[in-house]
Amino acid sequence: MFTKVTLLAALAAAANALTISTPASLVECQPVQLSWTDGTAPYYPSIIPGGEASSAALVTFDTQSATTYTWTVNLASGTNV
């Protein structure tokens, strides 16, 4: 299990602000559902280092039109995101 989870899923939307539902925890090699509301598709979700909003993404996902995405966590346990 990740020791610190401050999930900052960087989702860029065309117009409106987003509300991101942050999972309570992440477990390496296990699926987790990422979700968000508001905004306007397309969405560009990514996982960035915790506390480093301007850093390069650790993981990027394909462009999404839906407001949920199931991700099988592919980061090492203990990674702060």
C-alpha atoms as a PDB file:
ATOM      1  CA  MET A   1       0.000   0.000   0.000  1.00  0.00           C
ATOM      2  CA  PHE A   2       1.174   3.519  -0.646  1.00  0.00           C
ATOM      3  CA  THR A   3       2.261   5.230   2.550  1.00  0.00           C
ATOM      4  CA  LYS A   4       1.168   8.722   1.535  1.00  0.00           C
ATOM      5  CA  VAL A   5      -1.683   9.276  -0.826  1.00  0.00           C
ATOM      6  CA  THR A   6      -2.419  12.747  -1.956  1.00  0.00           C
ATOM      7  CA  LEU A   7      -3.673  11.908  -5.383  1.00  0.00           C
ATOM      8  CA  LEU A   8      -3.401  14.845  -7.680  1.00  0.00           C
ATOM      9  CA  ALA A   9      -4.938  13.662 -10.873  1.00  0.00           C
ATOM     10  CA  ALA A  10      -4.218  16.447 -13.286  1.00  0.00           C
ATOM     11  CA  LEU A  11      -7.276  16.663 -15.480  1.00  0.00           C
ATOM     12  CA  ALA A  12      -7.299  19.480 -17.988  1.00  0.00           C
ATOM     13  CA  ALA A  13     -10.741  20.392 -19.263  1.00  0.00           C
ATOM     14  CA  ALA A  14     -11.818  22.822 -21.914  1.00  0.00           C
ATOM     15  CA  ALA A  15     -13.896  25.230 -19.833  1.00  0.00           C
ATOM     16  CA  ASN A  16     -15.146  24.556 -16.300  1.00  0.00           C
ATOM     17  CA  ALA A  17     -13.357  23.729 -13.074  1.00  0.00           C
ATOM     18  CA  LEU A  18     -13.263  20.072 -12.075  1.00  0.00           C
ATOM     19  CA  THR A  19     -14.031  18.294  -8.854  1.00  0.00           C
ATOM     20  CA  ILE A  20     -11.742  15.286  -8.444  1.00  0.00           C
ATOM     21  CA  SER A  21     -12.671  12.377  -6.172  1.00  0.00           C
ATOM     22  CA  THR A  22      -9.442  11.257  -4.527  1.00  0.00           C
ATOM     23  CA  PRO A  23      -9.152   7.551  -3.652  1.00  0.00           C
ATOM     24  CA  ALA A  24      -8.357   6.893   0.022  1.00  0.00           C
ATOM     25  CA  SER A  25      -5.453   4.640  -0.889  1.00  0.00           C
ATOM     26  CA  LEU A  26      -3.663   2.989  -3.784  1.00  0.00           C
ATOM     27  CA  VAL A  27      -2.308  -0.559  -3.852  1.00  0.00           C
ATOM     28  CA  GLU A  28       0.388  -1.529  -6.353  1.00  0.00           C
ATOM     29  CA  CYS A  29      -0.942  -3.851  -9.110  1.00  0.00           C
ATOM     30  CA  GLN A  30      -4.572  -3.363  -7.985  1.00  0.00           C
ATOM     31  CA  PRO A  31      -7.284  -1.447  -9.845  1.00  0.00           C
ATOM     32  CA  VAL A  32      -8.585   1.848  -8.508  1.00  0.00           C
ATOM     33  CA  GLN A  33     -11.360   3.942  -9.964  1.00  0.00           C
ATOM     34  CA  LEU A  34     -10.496   7.570 -10.636  1.00  0.00           C
ATOM     35  CA  SER A  35     -13.468   9.875 -11.046  1.00  0.00           C
ATOM     36  CA  TRP A  36     -14.269  13.529 -11.527  1.00  0.00           C
ATOM     37  CA  THR A  37     -17.249  15.781 -12.102  1.00  0.00           C
ATOM     38  CA  ASP A  38     -17.892  19.054 -13.862  1.00  0.00           C
ATOM     39  CA  GLY A  39     -15.636  20.312 -16.604  1.00  0.00           C
ATOM     40  CA  THR A  40     -16.080  19.569 -20.264  1.00  0.00           C
ATOM     41  CA  ALA A  41     -14.698  16.597 -22.195  1.00  0.00           C
ATOM     42  CA  PRO A  42     -12.192  15.760 -23.472  1.00  0.00           C
ATOM     43  CA  TYR A  43     -10.283  15.115 -20.237  1.00  0.00           C
ATOM     44  CA  TYR A  44      -6.531  14.475 -20.025  1.00  0.00           C
ATOM     45  CA  PRO A  45      -5.950  12.559 -16.779  1.00  0.00           C
ATOM     46  CA  SER A  46      -2.497  11.976 -15.350  1.00  0.00           C
ATOM     47  CA  ILE A  47      -0.837  11.125 -12.042  1.00  0.00           C
ATOM     48  CA  ILE A  48       1.729  13.588 -10.738  1.00  0.00           C
ATOM     49  CA  PRO A  49       4.144  13.550  -7.778  1.00  0.00           C
ATOM     50  CA  GLY A  50       2.479  14.552  -4.490  1.00  0.00           C
ATOM     51  CA  GLY A  51       2.881  18.216  -3.617  1.00  0.00           C
ATOM     52  CA  GLU A  52       4.422  19.016  -6.992  1.00  0.00           C
ATOM     53  CA  ALA A  53       1.566  20.309  -9.122  1.00  0.00           C
ATOM     54  CA  SER A  54       3.875  21.655 -11.837  1.00  0.00           C
ATOM     55  CA  SER A  55       5.990  18.485 -12.148  1.00  0.00           C
ATOM     56  CA  ALA A  56       5.982  16.142 -15.110  1.00  0.00           C
ATOM     57  CA  ALA A  57       3.430  13.335 -14.910  1.00  0.00           C
ATOM     58  CA  LEU A  58       4.452   9.966 -13.513  1.00  0.00           C
ATOM     59  CA  VAL A  59       1.629   8.321 -15.471  1.00  0.00           C
ATOM     60  CA  THR A  60      -0.500   9.683 -18.301  1.00  0.00           C
ATOM     61  CA  PHE A  61      -3.675   8.140 -19.654  1.00  0.00           C
ATOM     62  CA  ASP A  62      -5.427   8.296 -22.995  1.00  0.00           C
ATOM     63  CA  THR A  63      -7.818  11.188 -23.541  1.00  0.00           C
ATOM     64  CA  GLN A  64     -11.133  10.446 -21.851  1.00  0.00           C
ATOM     65  CA  SER A  65     -14.688  11.494 -22.649  1.00  0.00           C
ATOM     66  CA  ALA A  66     -16.193   9.754 -19.589  1.00  0.00           C
ATOM     67  CA  THR A  67     -15.850  10.980 -16.004  1.00  0.00           C
ATOM     68  CA  THR A  68     -14.376   7.754 -14.613  1.00  0.00           C
ATOM     69  CA  TYR A  69     -11.308   5.694 -15.390  1.00  0.00           C
ATOM     70  CA  THR A  70     -10.143   2.441 -13.851  1.00  0.00           C
ATOM     71  CA  TRP A  71      -6.373   2.368 -13.431  1.00  0.00           C
ATOM     72  CA  THR A  72      -4.335  -0.643 -12.419  1.00  0.00           C
ATOM     73  CA  VAL A  73      -1.725   1.024 -10.235  1.00  0.00           C
ATOM     74  CA  ASN A  74       1.684   0.629 -11.881  1.00  0.00           C
ATOM     75  CA  LEU A  75       3.759   2.684  -9.464  1.00  0.00           C
ATOM     76  CA  ALA A  76       5.939   1.247  -6.714  1.00  0.00           C
ATOM     77  CA  SER A  77       4.527   1.090  -3.207  1.00  0.00           C
ATOM     78  CA  GLY A  78       5.544   4.170  -1.222  1.00  0.00           C
ATOM     79  CA  THR A  79       5.428   6.532  -4.198  1.00  0.00           C
ATOM     80  CA  ASN A  80       3.935   9.848  -3.101  1.00  0.00           C
ATOM     81  CA  VAL A  81       1.361  10.907  -5.672  1.00  0.00           C
END
